[in-house]
């Protein structure tokens, strides 16, 4: 459980942040300059807020009215930055255990468990100069975990990596977010990372937190387009793998009745997966079409239509018990006679679906406080 309700000021930025999450992975999303790093530094104790309250799993870290302001070390927050900040003269093994030694904490998390979790077994004897960017970040994450933290803050850990290195480390982050067993605050300006990893999404814009909640609900909201970025707007659906079509290379995912067919998906039957579908990759029809190459066509009901100026409209549709978001022209809305309650067919290209990850585990409150 993470509770934040603070006000502060750094330079010209006035910060007013209020949110809470039940555990698991909380994503703090905002564009550059929104105040993400300032907020995380206040949570970690590196910057003092003007007033407010911060608590992790019921432990108060800061309270302006009660005069509580725990020092950095006493807060027990593991921090992973954009750059790994490893000690160049120490081996990977020594870097991993340094924070535990420096903090004089009794070991709680098993060293071998962290090494296996992050795939570090073959790196223990190396020095940082002999590691790739993604390997360095995995070591930095392992070092933070071995410091026995109450909360792990990951401040844009992939920002300095190229796409190939990001793809290398994301599977490890998938597993970390499911298996770490502690609250994680994941800071990013990448919707892809947020959608893939988090349970709760907090929007930060110009030092304010206009909204927070379950990530699927937040990404489906059409009123947050300016803060989340319209180009990458979309929806999340969750489902279970039911069939692997080896002949055509398609994975079938049941999303509550309708079956999505997805190519090149590394999954096994029974896997729970989360899928991100961009609004710009969804088309709508007023009748089931025939003679199309698009394999995913589902009956749906329009639930809302955004009222905007400009050429586009955002449409939310209900498919089974899940929400699909479509961006089409306002002219098409008029031509099709779309309105809330109207039945439609949702069309989604298989190749357009962001997939390839397990659904995050339900939030679990860590009892080791």
Protein backbone atom coordinates (compact mmCIF):
# COMPACT_ATOMS: atom_id res chain seq x y z
CA UNK A 1 0.00 0.00 0.00
CA UNK A 2 1.36 3.41 -1.02
CA UNK A 3 -0.32 6.62 0.19
CA UNK A 4 0.81 10.05 -1.03
CA UNK A 5 -0.85 13.40 -0.28
CA UNK A 6 1.75 16.18 -0.41
CA UNK A 7 2.44 19.70 -1.60
CA UNK A 8 5.85 21.14 -2.36
CA UNK A 9 7.79 23.49 -4.56
CA UNK A 10 11.04 23.09 -6.51
CA UNK A 11 12.11 26.14 -8.50
CA UNK A 12 9.15 27.26 -10.62
CA UNK A 13 7.29 23.95 -10.17
CA UNK A 14 4.44 23.79 -7.65
CA UNK A 15 3.78 20.15 -6.81
CA UNK A 16 0.42 18.88 -5.55
CA UNK A 17 0.26 15.09 -5.58
CA UNK A 18 -2.46 12.91 -4.14
CA UNK A 19 -2.91 9.21 -4.87
CA UNK A 20 -2.97 5.78 -3.27
CA UNK A 21 -2.58 2.23 -4.51
CA UNK A 22 -3.26 -1.14 -3.01
CA UNK A 23 0.17 -2.55 -3.79
CA UNK A 24 1.68 -4.27 -6.79
CA UNK A 25 3.09 -1.94 -9.43
CA UNK A 26 2.00 1.71 -9.46
CA UNK A 27 3.01 3.57 -12.62
CA UNK A 28 3.70 7.30 -12.38
CA UNK A 29 3.18 8.59 -15.90
CA UNK A 30 3.84 12.04 -17.27
CA UNK A 31 5.64 13.89 -20.00
CA UNK A 32 9.11 15.38 -19.45
CA UNK A 33 8.96 18.25 -16.94
CA UNK A 34 5.75 17.01 -15.31
CA UNK A 35 7.49 16.61 -11.94
CA UNK A 36 7.98 12.83 -11.79
CA UNK A 37 11.52 12.84 -10.42
CA UNK A 38 10.71 15.62 -7.94
CA UNK A 39 7.81 13.58 -6.59
CA UNK A 40 9.85 10.39 -6.24
CA UNK A 41 12.63 12.30 -4.50
CA UNK A 42 10.08 13.57 -1.96
CA UNK A 43 8.84 10.03 -1.36
CA UNK A 44 12.42 8.80 -0.95
CA UNK A 45 13.29 11.61 1.48
CA UNK A 46 15.77 13.38 -0.80
CA UNK A 47 13.54 16.49 -0.96
CA UNK A 48 11.26 17.62 1.86
CA UNK A 49 7.66 18.51 0.95
CA UNK A 50 6.12 21.67 2.35
CA UNK A 51 3.27 19.68 3.90
CA UNK A 52 1.30 16.49 3.59
CA UNK A 53 1.56 12.78 4.28
CA UNK A 54 3.49 9.81 2.82
CA UNK A 55 3.06 6.21 4.01
CA UNK A 56 4.09 2.76 2.78
CA UNK A 57 2.27 -0.32 4.09
CA UNK A 58 0.94 1.71 7.02
CA UNK A 59 4.38 3.07 8.00
CA UNK A 60 4.41 6.89 7.99
CA UNK A 61 7.48 8.26 6.22
CA UNK A 62 6.46 11.92 6.29
CA UNK A 63 3.71 13.89 7.99
CA UNK A 64 3.87 17.67 8.04
CA UNK A 65 1.30 18.10 10.81
CA UNK A 66 2.75 15.42 13.07
CA UNK A 67 6.34 16.48 12.48
CA UNK A 68 7.37 13.08 11.08
CA UNK A 69 10.20 13.12 8.53
CA UNK A 70 12.13 9.84 8.48
CA UNK A 71 15.68 10.11 7.16
CA UNK A 72 16.49 8.47 3.84
CA UNK A 73 18.04 5.32 5.30
CA UNK A 74 15.17 4.73 7.72
CA UNK A 75 12.62 4.90 4.90
CA UNK A 76 14.04 1.70 3.36
CA UNK A 77 13.30 2.65 -0.23
CA UNK A 78 15.23 0.98 -3.02
CA UNK A 79 15.90 3.41 -5.87
CA UNK A 80 16.78 2.45 -9.44
CA UNK A 81 17.76 5.41 -11.62
CA UNK A 82 18.06 5.94 -15.38
CA UNK A 83 21.77 5.21 -15.14
CA UNK A 84 22.79 2.13 -13.18
CA UNK A 85 25.28 3.93 -10.87
CA UNK A 86 27.31 0.77 -10.22
CA UNK A 87 30.71 0.84 -8.53
CA UNK A 88 33.15 0.33 -11.44
CA UNK A 89 35.85 -1.29 -9.28
CA UNK A 90 33.53 -3.92 -7.80
CA UNK A 91 32.33 -7.14 -9.39
CA UNK A 92 28.64 -7.71 -10.08
CA UNK A 93 28.47 -9.92 -6.99
CA UNK A 94 29.99 -7.21 -4.79
CA UNK A 95 27.74 -4.52 -6.30
CA UNK A 96 24.70 -6.66 -5.53
CA UNK A 97 25.57 -7.06 -1.87
CA UNK A 98 26.92 -3.55 -1.25
CA UNK A 99 23.62 -1.91 -0.24
CA UNK A 100 22.87 -4.76 2.17
CA UNK A 101 26.33 -4.41 3.73
CA UNK A 102 26.22 -0.60 3.90
CA UNK A 103 22.78 -0.63 5.49
CA UNK A 104 23.83 -3.25 8.07
CA UNK A 105 20.50 -4.98 7.52
CA UNK A 106 19.77 -8.57 8.35
CA UNK A 107 19.36 -10.47 5.05
CA UNK A 108 15.72 -11.20 4.28
CA UNK A 109 15.66 -11.75 0.54
CA UNK A 110 17.79 -14.65 -0.65
CA UNK A 111 20.77 -13.67 -2.80
CA UNK A 112 20.40 -16.67 -5.11
CA UNK A 113 16.68 -15.93 -5.52
CA UNK A 114 17.43 -12.41 -6.80
CA UNK A 115 20.21 -13.67 -9.05
CA UNK A 116 17.85 -16.22 -10.60
CA UNK A 117 14.96 -13.74 -10.86
CA UNK A 118 17.05 -11.27 -12.88
CA UNK A 119 19.17 -13.76 -14.82
CA UNK A 120 22.48 -12.63 -13.30
CA UNK A 121 24.09 -16.01 -12.71
CA UNK A 122 26.56 -15.70 -15.59
CA UNK A 123 27.55 -12.13 -14.70
CA UNK A 124 28.62 -12.35 -11.05
CA UNK A 125 32.36 -12.23 -11.67
CA UNK A 126 32.29 -9.40 -14.22
CA UNK A 127 33.00 -5.71 -13.69
CA UNK A 128 30.44 -3.09 -14.87
CA UNK A 129 32.70 -2.06 -17.78
CA UNK A 130 32.07 -5.50 -19.29
CA UNK A 131 28.29 -5.31 -19.10
CA UNK A 132 25.71 -4.08 -21.60
CA UNK A 133 23.32 -1.28 -20.64
CA UNK A 134 20.51 -3.73 -19.99
CA UNK A 135 22.75 -5.97 -17.87
CA UNK A 136 23.85 -2.99 -15.78
CA UNK A 137 20.23 -2.07 -15.10
CA UNK A 138 19.42 -5.63 -14.04
CA UNK A 139 22.30 -5.49 -11.58
CA UNK A 140 21.09 -2.12 -10.26
CA UNK A 141 17.61 -3.59 -9.75
CA UNK A 142 19.08 -6.60 -7.96
CA UNK A 143 21.14 -4.36 -5.69
CA UNK A 144 18.01 -2.39 -4.76
CA UNK A 145 16.05 -5.58 -4.01
CA UNK A 146 18.85 -6.91 -1.79
CA UNK A 147 18.77 -3.74 0.31
CA UNK A 148 15.54 -5.09 1.87
CA UNK A 149 13.30 -2.19 0.77
CA UNK A 150 9.75 -1.43 1.83
CA UNK A 151 9.20 0.19 -1.56
CA UNK A 152 11.10 -0.01 -4.83
CA UNK A 153 11.18 3.17 -6.94
CA UNK A 154 12.20 2.65 -10.57
CA UNK A 155 12.78 6.08 -12.13
CA UNK A 156 12.60 5.57 -15.91
CA UNK A 157 15.02 2.61 -15.78
CA UNK A 158 14.84 2.04 -19.54
CA UNK A 159 15.18 5.68 -20.65
CA UNK A 160 18.88 5.42 -21.52
CA UNK A 161 18.60 2.11 -23.39
CA UNK A 162 18.09 1.61 -27.10
CA UNK A 163 15.12 -0.44 -28.28
CA UNK A 164 17.10 -3.67 -28.53
CA UNK A 165 18.31 -3.37 -24.93
CA UNK A 166 14.80 -2.44 -23.78
CA UNK A 167 13.46 -5.59 -25.40
CA UNK A 168 16.15 -7.58 -23.60
CA UNK A 169 15.26 -6.29 -20.13
CA UNK A 170 11.45 -6.08 -20.37
CA UNK A 171 10.91 -9.84 -19.82
CA UNK A 172 12.91 -9.54 -16.59
CA UNK A 173 10.78 -6.57 -15.53
CA UNK A 174 7.65 -8.61 -16.32
CA UNK A 175 8.83 -11.27 -13.91
CA UNK A 176 10.06 -8.80 -11.32
CA UNK A 177 6.71 -7.02 -11.18
CA UNK A 178 4.90 -10.35 -10.68
CA UNK A 179 7.28 -11.95 -8.19
CA UNK A 180 9.00 -9.16 -6.21
CA UNK A 181 6.40 -9.18 -3.43
CA UNK A 182 6.89 -5.49 -2.53
CA UNK A 183 5.20 -2.30 -3.75
CA UNK A 184 6.88 -0.85 -6.84
CA UNK A 185 6.56 2.74 -8.06
CA UNK A 186 7.48 2.66 -11.74
CA UNK A 187 8.15 6.07 -13.28
CA UNK A 188 7.86 6.41 -17.05
CA UNK A 189 6.75 8.57 -19.95
CA UNK A 190 6.24 5.45 -22.09
CA UNK A 191 2.66 4.23 -22.34
CA UNK A 192 3.98 0.88 -23.62
CA UNK A 193 5.90 0.26 -20.39
CA UNK A 194 3.03 1.51 -18.21
CA UNK A 195 0.48 -0.70 -19.94
CA UNK A 196 2.74 -3.72 -19.79
CA UNK A 197 3.88 -3.58 -16.18
CA UNK A 198 1.49 -1.75 -13.88
CA UNK A 199 -1.64 -2.42 -11.84
CA UNK A 200 -2.37 1.21 -10.93
CA UNK A 201 -1.73 4.28 -13.08
CA UNK A 202 -1.13 7.77 -11.66
CA UNK A 203 -1.21 10.65 -14.14
CA UNK A 204 1.14 13.53 -13.37
CA UNK A 205 0.80 16.72 -15.41
CA UNK A 206 2.35 20.12 -14.61
CA UNK A 207 3.02 19.06 -11.03
CA UNK A 208 -0.56 17.88 -10.43
CA UNK A 209 -2.14 14.42 -10.27
CA UNK A 210 -5.48 14.86 -12.08
CA UNK A 211 -6.37 11.18 -11.95
CA UNK A 212 -5.32 7.74 -10.72
CA UNK A 213 -6.83 4.27 -10.73
CA UNK A 214 -6.62 0.80 -12.30
CA UNK A 215 -4.48 1.05 -15.41
CA UNK A 216 -7.11 -0.37 -17.79
CA UNK A 217 -9.70 2.14 -16.59
CA UNK A 218 -7.29 5.05 -16.86
CA UNK A 219 -6.14 4.26 -20.38
CA UNK A 220 -9.75 3.97 -21.53
CA UNK A 221 -10.63 7.49 -20.32
CA UNK A 222 -11.02 9.88 -23.23
CA UNK A 223 -10.78 12.99 -21.01
CA UNK A 224 -7.09 12.33 -20.27
CA UNK A 225 -5.87 12.49 -23.86
CA UNK A 226 -3.79 15.62 -23.36
CA UNK A 227 -1.95 14.08 -20.39
CA UNK A 228 -1.48 10.56 -21.78
CA UNK A 229 -0.83 11.46 -25.42
CA UNK A 230 -3.44 10.92 -28.07
CA UNK A 231 -1.19 9.15 -30.57
CA UNK A 232 -0.54 6.22 -28.21
CA UNK A 233 -4.00 6.16 -26.64
CA UNK A 234 -5.66 2.78 -26.48
CA UNK A 235 -7.17 0.19 -24.19
CA UNK A 236 -6.02 -2.85 -22.25
CA UNK A 237 -7.76 -6.18 -22.34
CA UNK A 238 -6.89 -9.26 -20.37
CA UNK A 239 -7.47 -12.83 -21.35
CA UNK A 240 -6.26 -16.41 -21.27
CA UNK A 241 -4.46 -18.38 -23.95
CA UNK A 242 -6.75 -21.21 -25.08
CA UNK A 243 -5.18 -22.56 -28.29
CA UNK A 244 -1.89 -22.49 -30.20
CA UNK A 245 -2.43 -22.75 -33.95
CA UNK A 246 0.97 -24.05 -35.03
CA UNK A 247 -0.01 -24.34 -38.69
CA UNK A 248 -0.63 -20.60 -39.06
CA UNK A 249 1.47 -19.30 -36.17
CA UNK A 250 -1.49 -17.80 -34.32
CA UNK A 251 -2.22 -17.75 -30.60
CA UNK A 252 -5.87 -17.71 -29.55
CA UNK A 253 -6.72 -15.61 -26.50
CA UNK A 254 -10.14 -15.72 -24.85
CA UNK A 255 -11.06 -12.23 -23.62
CA UNK A 256 -14.35 -13.26 -22.03
CA UNK A 257 -16.09 -14.95 -24.95
CA UNK A 258 -14.58 -13.37 -28.07
CA UNK A 259 -11.30 -14.93 -29.22
CA UNK A 260 -8.40 -12.76 -30.34
CA UNK A 261 -5.97 -14.29 -32.81
CA UNK A 262 -2.43 -12.97 -32.36
CA UNK A 263 0.70 -13.87 -34.39
CA UNK A 264 4.16 -14.61 -32.97
CA UNK A 265 3.13 -14.66 -29.34
CA UNK A 266 5.42 -16.50 -26.93
CA UNK A 267 2.86 -18.10 -24.62
CA UNK A 268 1.52 -21.41 -23.40
CA UNK A 269 -2.06 -22.65 -23.09
CA UNK A 270 -3.53 -21.35 -19.84
CA UNK A 271 -1.28 -18.27 -19.62
CA UNK A 272 -2.97 -15.08 -18.42
CA UNK A 273 -1.94 -12.23 -20.71
CA UNK A 274 -2.51 -8.51 -21.02
CA UNK A 275 -2.99 -6.98 -24.46
CA UNK A 276 -2.76 -3.32 -25.44
CA UNK A 277 -4.82 -2.27 -28.45
CA UNK A 278 -4.19 1.22 -29.82
CA UNK A 279 -7.24 3.30 -30.62
CA UNK A 280 -5.82 4.16 -34.05
CA UNK A 281 -5.67 0.43 -34.92
CA UNK A 282 -9.40 -0.18 -34.34
CA UNK A 283 -12.09 0.20 -37.02
CA UNK A 284 -15.86 0.05 -36.60
CA UNK A 285 -18.62 -1.31 -38.82
CA UNK A 286 -22.39 -1.22 -38.43
CA UNK A 287 -22.74 -4.77 -39.77
CA UNK A 288 -20.46 -7.83 -39.69
CA UNK A 289 -18.22 -7.49 -42.76
CA UNK A 290 -17.27 -10.29 -45.15
CA UNK A 291 -14.27 -10.81 -47.38
CA UNK A 292 -11.75 -9.09 -45.10
CA UNK A 293 -8.23 -10.11 -44.09
CA UNK A 294 -8.84 -8.81 -40.56
CA UNK A 295 -9.30 -11.88 -38.36
CA UNK A 296 -10.54 -10.16 -35.20
CA UNK A 297 -14.13 -8.96 -35.60
CA UNK A 298 -16.39 -8.84 -32.54
CA UNK A 299 -19.89 -7.69 -31.73
CA UNK A 300 -19.77 -4.65 -29.43
CA UNK A 301 -21.85 -1.79 -28.11
CA UNK A 302 -20.89 1.86 -28.23
CA UNK A 303 -20.73 3.22 -24.68
CA UNK A 304 -19.48 6.76 -25.26
CA UNK A 305 -18.32 9.18 -27.94
CA UNK A 306 -16.02 12.05 -27.07
CA UNK A 307 -17.11 15.51 -28.12
CA UNK A 308 -14.08 17.19 -29.64
CA UNK A 309 -13.21 19.75 -32.20
CA UNK A 310 -10.96 18.75 -35.06
CA UNK A 311 -11.30 15.77 -37.37
CA UNK A 312 -11.24 12.90 -34.86
CA UNK A 313 -13.51 11.33 -32.26
CA UNK A 314 -12.73 8.81 -29.53
CA UNK A 315 -15.23 5.95 -29.27
CA UNK A 316 -15.47 3.55 -26.32
CA UNK A 317 -17.06 0.18 -27.06
CA UNK A 318 -17.98 -2.68 -24.76
CA UNK A 319 -16.85 -6.13 -25.90
CA UNK A 320 -17.98 -8.82 -23.46
CA UNK A 321 -16.94 -7.27 -20.12
CA UNK A 322 -14.01 -5.29 -21.49
CA UNK A 323 -13.53 -1.91 -23.14
CA UNK A 324 -12.09 -1.27 -26.61
CA UNK A 325 -11.18 2.25 -27.69
CA UNK A 326 -11.34 3.43 -31.30
CA UNK A 327 -10.23 6.66 -32.94
CA UNK A 328 -12.10 7.44 -36.12
CA UNK A 329 -13.04 10.62 -37.95
CA UNK A 330 -16.01 12.65 -36.84
CA UNK A 331 -17.24 12.36 -40.40
CA UNK A 332 -17.36 8.56 -40.00
CA UNK A 333 -19.29 8.94 -36.75
CA UNK A 334 -21.90 10.95 -38.61
CA UNK A 335 -21.99 8.66 -41.67
CA UNK A 336 -22.44 5.53 -39.52
CA UNK A 337 -24.96 7.16 -37.22
CA UNK A 338 -22.97 6.17 -34.15
CA UNK A 339 -24.39 6.93 -30.73
CA UNK A 340 -24.16 5.42 -27.24
CA UNK A 341 -26.05 2.14 -27.15
CA UNK A 342 -25.65 1.40 -30.86
CA UNK A 343 -24.46 -2.13 -31.73
CA UNK A 344 -21.34 -2.26 -33.89
CA UNK A 345 -18.65 -4.65 -35.03
CA UNK A 346 -15.14 -3.91 -33.77
CA UNK A 347 -12.34 -4.75 -36.23
CA UNK A 348 -8.76 -5.21 -35.03
CA UNK A 349 -5.77 -6.24 -37.11
CA UNK A 350 -3.89 -9.12 -35.47
CA UNK A 351 -0.52 -7.55 -36.26
CA UNK A 352 -1.47 -4.32 -34.49
CA UNK A 353 -1.87 -5.79 -31.00
CA UNK A 354 0.81 -5.12 -28.39
CA UNK A 355 1.18 -8.40 -26.54
CA UNK A 356 3.89 -10.80 -25.35
CA UNK A 357 3.59 -10.43 -21.60
CA UNK A 358 1.91 -12.05 -18.66
CA UNK A 359 -0.81 -10.14 -16.92
CA UNK A 360 0.59 -8.53 -13.75
CA UNK A 361 -0.20 -10.35 -10.54
CA UNK A 362 -2.95 -8.93 -8.33
CA UNK A 363 -1.59 -6.44 -5.77
CA UNK A 364 -0.23 -8.10 -2.65
CA UNK A 365 0.51 -6.11 0.48
CA UNK A 366 3.96 -6.90 1.79
CA UNK A 367 3.85 -7.91 5.44
CA UNK A 368 7.57 -7.35 5.97
CA UNK A 369 7.39 -3.71 7.01
